[in-house]
N, C-alpha and C. Protein backbone atom coordinates (compact mmCIF):
# COMPACT_ATOMS: atom_id res chain seq x y z
N UNK A 1 0.81 -1.19 0.00
CA UNK A 1 0.00 0.00 0.00
C UNK A 1 0.87 1.26 0.00
N UNK A 2 2.03 1.17 0.59
CA UNK A 2 2.91 2.34 0.65
C UNK A 2 3.35 2.77 -0.74
N UNK A 3 3.52 1.79 -1.64
CA UNK A 3 3.97 2.13 -2.99
C UNK A 3 2.91 2.92 -3.75
N UNK A 4 1.66 2.70 -3.42
CA UNK A 4 0.58 3.47 -4.03
C UNK A 4 0.72 4.94 -3.66
N UNK A 5 0.96 5.23 -2.39
CA UNK A 5 1.11 6.61 -1.94
C UNK A 5 2.40 7.24 -2.44
N UNK A 6 3.46 6.46 -2.53
CA UNK A 6 4.71 6.96 -3.10
C UNK A 6 4.51 7.33 -4.56
N UNK A 7 3.79 6.50 -5.28
CA UNK A 7 3.48 6.79 -6.68
C UNK A 7 2.69 8.08 -6.82
N UNK A 8 1.71 8.28 -5.96
CA UNK A 8 0.92 9.51 -5.99
C UNK A 8 1.80 10.71 -5.68
N UNK A 9 2.67 10.60 -4.71
CA UNK A 9 3.54 11.72 -4.33
C UNK A 9 4.47 12.10 -5.48
N UNK A 10 5.10 11.12 -6.11
CA UNK A 10 6.00 11.43 -7.22
C UNK A 10 5.24 11.98 -8.42
N UNK A 11 4.04 11.47 -8.64
CA UNK A 11 3.22 11.99 -9.73
C UNK A 11 2.86 13.44 -9.47
N UNK A 12 2.51 13.76 -8.24
CA UNK A 12 2.17 15.13 -7.89
C UNK A 12 3.38 16.06 -8.08
N UNK A 13 4.53 15.61 -7.68
CA UNK A 13 5.74 16.42 -7.86
C UNK A 13 6.04 16.64 -9.34
N UNK A 14 5.98 15.59 -10.12
CA UNK A 14 6.28 15.71 -11.55
C UNK A 14 5.30 16.63 -12.25
N UNK A 15 4.00 16.46 -12.00
CA UNK A 15 3.00 17.30 -12.65
C UNK A 15 3.06 18.74 -12.15
N UNK A 16 3.47 18.95 -10.94
CA UNK A 16 3.64 20.32 -10.44
C UNK A 16 4.75 21.03 -11.20
N UNK A 17 5.83 20.33 -11.45
CA UNK A 17 6.93 20.93 -12.22
C UNK A 17 6.48 21.25 -13.64
N UNK A 18 5.78 20.31 -14.27
CA UNK A 18 5.27 20.55 -15.63
C UNK A 18 4.31 21.73 -15.64
N UNK A 19 3.43 21.79 -14.66
CA UNK A 19 2.44 22.88 -14.61
C UNK A 19 3.11 24.23 -14.42
N UNK A 20 4.07 24.31 -13.52
CA UNK A 20 4.73 25.59 -13.25
C UNK A 20 5.57 26.04 -14.44
N UNK A 21 6.25 25.14 -15.08
CA UNK A 21 7.16 25.53 -16.17
C UNK A 21 6.47 25.74 -17.51
N UNK A 22 5.46 24.94 -17.83
CA UNK A 22 4.91 24.96 -19.18
C UNK A 22 3.44 25.37 -19.26
N UNK A 23 2.64 24.85 -18.38
CA UNK A 23 1.20 25.06 -18.50
C UNK A 23 0.77 26.42 -17.95
N UNK A 24 1.19 26.76 -16.73
CA UNK A 24 0.75 28.00 -16.10
C UNK A 24 1.11 29.25 -16.90
N UNK A 25 2.33 29.39 -17.42
CA UNK A 25 2.63 30.60 -18.20
C UNK A 25 1.72 30.76 -19.43
N UNK A 26 1.37 29.65 -20.06
CA UNK A 26 0.50 29.72 -21.24
C UNK A 26 -0.93 30.05 -20.84
N UNK A 27 -1.40 29.45 -19.76
CA UNK A 27 -2.78 29.70 -19.32
C UNK A 27 -2.99 31.14 -18.86
N UNK A 28 -1.96 31.78 -18.37
CA UNK A 28 -2.11 33.17 -17.91
C UNK A 28 -2.42 34.11 -19.06
N UNK A 29 -2.08 33.73 -20.27
CA UNK A 29 -2.34 34.58 -21.43
C UNK A 29 -3.78 34.44 -21.93
N UNK A 30 -4.47 33.39 -21.53
CA UNK A 30 -5.82 33.12 -22.01
C UNK A 30 -6.86 33.75 -21.08
N UNK A 31 -8.09 33.91 -21.59
CA UNK A 31 -9.19 34.34 -20.74
C UNK A 31 -9.58 33.17 -19.84
N UNK A 32 -10.39 33.45 -18.82
CA UNK A 32 -10.79 32.37 -17.90
C UNK A 32 -11.54 31.26 -18.63
N UNK A 33 -12.45 31.63 -19.51
CA UNK A 33 -13.23 30.61 -20.23
C UNK A 33 -12.33 29.75 -21.12
N UNK A 34 -11.38 30.36 -21.79
CA UNK A 34 -10.46 29.59 -22.64
C UNK A 34 -9.57 28.68 -21.81
N UNK A 35 -9.14 29.15 -20.66
CA UNK A 35 -8.22 28.38 -19.82
C UNK A 35 -8.93 27.22 -19.12
N UNK A 36 -10.18 27.40 -18.74
CA UNK A 36 -10.88 26.34 -18.02
C UNK A 36 -11.28 25.17 -18.90
N UNK A 37 -11.54 25.42 -20.15
CA UNK A 37 -12.01 24.36 -21.05
C UNK A 37 -11.05 23.17 -21.10
N UNK A 38 -9.77 23.33 -21.44
CA UNK A 38 -8.90 22.14 -21.48
C UNK A 38 -8.67 21.51 -20.11
N UNK A 39 -8.67 22.31 -19.06
CA UNK A 39 -8.48 21.74 -17.73
C UNK A 39 -9.66 20.88 -17.31
N UNK A 40 -10.86 21.32 -17.62
CA UNK A 40 -12.05 20.52 -17.29
C UNK A 40 -12.11 19.24 -18.11
N UNK A 41 -11.74 19.32 -19.37
CA UNK A 41 -11.73 18.13 -20.21
C UNK A 41 -10.71 17.13 -19.70
N UNK A 42 -9.53 17.59 -19.34
CA UNK A 42 -8.48 16.72 -18.82
C UNK A 42 -8.94 16.00 -17.56
N UNK A 43 -9.55 16.71 -16.64
CA UNK A 43 -9.93 16.12 -15.35
C UNK A 43 -11.22 15.32 -15.42
N UNK A 44 -11.97 15.44 -16.47
CA UNK A 44 -13.20 14.66 -16.57
C UNK A 44 -12.90 13.16 -16.69
N UNK A 45 -11.75 12.79 -17.18
CA UNK A 45 -11.40 11.38 -17.35
C UNK A 45 -10.94 10.72 -16.06
N UNK A 46 -10.67 11.49 -15.04
CA UNK A 46 -10.15 10.93 -13.80
C UNK A 46 -11.18 10.09 -13.06
N UNK A 47 -12.45 10.38 -13.23
CA UNK A 47 -13.47 9.74 -12.41
C UNK A 47 -14.26 8.66 -13.15
N UNK A 48 -14.00 8.48 -14.42
CA UNK A 48 -14.76 7.50 -15.19
C UNK A 48 -14.52 6.08 -14.67
N UNK A 49 -13.30 5.73 -14.38
CA UNK A 49 -12.99 4.39 -13.88
C UNK A 49 -13.58 4.12 -12.52
N UNK A 50 -13.66 5.14 -11.67
CA UNK A 50 -14.21 4.95 -10.34
C UNK A 50 -15.72 4.80 -10.33
N UNK A 51 -16.37 5.13 -11.44
CA UNK A 51 -17.83 5.03 -11.51
C UNK A 51 -18.30 3.60 -11.33
N UNK A 52 -17.48 2.61 -11.65
CA UNK A 52 -17.90 1.22 -11.51
C UNK A 52 -18.03 0.82 -10.05
N UNK A 53 -17.50 1.61 -9.13
CA UNK A 53 -17.61 1.30 -7.72
C UNK A 53 -18.90 1.85 -7.10
N UNK A 54 -19.56 2.78 -7.78
CA UNK A 54 -20.78 3.37 -7.25
C UNK A 54 -21.94 2.39 -7.41
N UNK A 55 -22.70 2.19 -6.36
CA UNK A 55 -23.84 1.26 -6.44
C UNK A 55 -24.86 1.73 -7.48
N UNK A 56 -25.31 0.81 -8.31
CA UNK A 56 -26.33 1.11 -9.29
C UNK A 56 -25.81 1.59 -10.63
N UNK A 57 -24.53 1.87 -10.75
CA UNK A 57 -23.99 2.34 -12.02
C UNK A 57 -23.80 1.18 -12.99
N UNK A 58 -23.32 0.08 -12.48
CA UNK A 58 -23.13 -1.11 -13.32
C UNK A 58 -23.95 -2.26 -12.73
N UNK A 59 -24.04 -3.34 -13.45
CA UNK A 59 -24.82 -4.50 -13.01
C UNK A 59 -24.24 -5.10 -11.73
N UNK A 60 -25.11 -5.60 -10.88
CA UNK A 60 -24.66 -6.25 -9.65
C UNK A 60 -23.94 -7.56 -9.93
N UNK A 61 -24.10 -8.08 -11.15
CA UNK A 61 -23.42 -9.33 -11.48
C UNK A 61 -21.94 -9.12 -11.83
N UNK A 62 -21.52 -7.86 -11.93
CA UNK A 62 -20.11 -7.57 -12.19
C UNK A 62 -19.29 -8.00 -10.97
N UNK A 63 -18.32 -8.88 -11.14
CA UNK A 63 -17.53 -9.32 -9.99
C UNK A 63 -16.83 -8.14 -9.31
N UNK A 64 -16.88 -8.12 -8.00
CA UNK A 64 -16.30 -7.03 -7.23
C UNK A 64 -14.79 -6.92 -7.46
N UNK A 65 -14.11 -8.05 -7.61
CA UNK A 65 -12.66 -8.00 -7.85
C UNK A 65 -12.35 -7.32 -9.18
N UNK A 66 -13.16 -7.60 -10.21
CA UNK A 66 -12.95 -6.94 -11.50
C UNK A 66 -13.22 -5.44 -11.39
N UNK A 67 -14.28 -5.07 -10.67
CA UNK A 67 -14.61 -3.65 -10.52
C UNK A 67 -13.49 -2.90 -9.84
N UNK A 68 -12.91 -3.48 -8.81
CA UNK A 68 -11.80 -2.82 -8.10
C UNK A 68 -10.58 -2.70 -9.00
N UNK A 69 -10.26 -3.73 -9.74
CA UNK A 69 -9.10 -3.69 -10.64
C UNK A 69 -9.31 -2.64 -11.72
N UNK A 70 -10.52 -2.55 -12.27
CA UNK A 70 -10.81 -1.58 -13.30
C UNK A 70 -10.77 -0.16 -12.76
N UNK A 71 -11.34 0.06 -11.59
CA UNK A 71 -11.42 1.39 -11.02
C UNK A 71 -10.05 1.93 -10.65
N UNK A 72 -9.21 1.10 -10.09
CA UNK A 72 -7.90 1.56 -9.63
C UNK A 72 -6.77 1.31 -10.61
N UNK A 73 -7.08 0.71 -11.74
CA UNK A 73 -6.08 0.52 -12.79
C UNK A 73 -5.01 -0.51 -12.47
N UNK A 74 -5.37 -1.52 -11.71
CA UNK A 74 -4.35 -2.53 -11.37
C UNK A 74 -4.58 -3.80 -12.12
């Protein structure tokens, strides 16, 4: 379980560097509406996999082990 949190920490560090160096300077030149559009599209994909864990979203016959593997990408 510790490796999961280490992976998240390193991912956060890496994406923070990318955001500060490349993304933020470009977004500052755009209007709010222009800047929010790509950010919302990017983050909309983060929750699609977790939807299989919500009760009633998928069939109850879906094996729980498969749902967990699909949701967490393992």
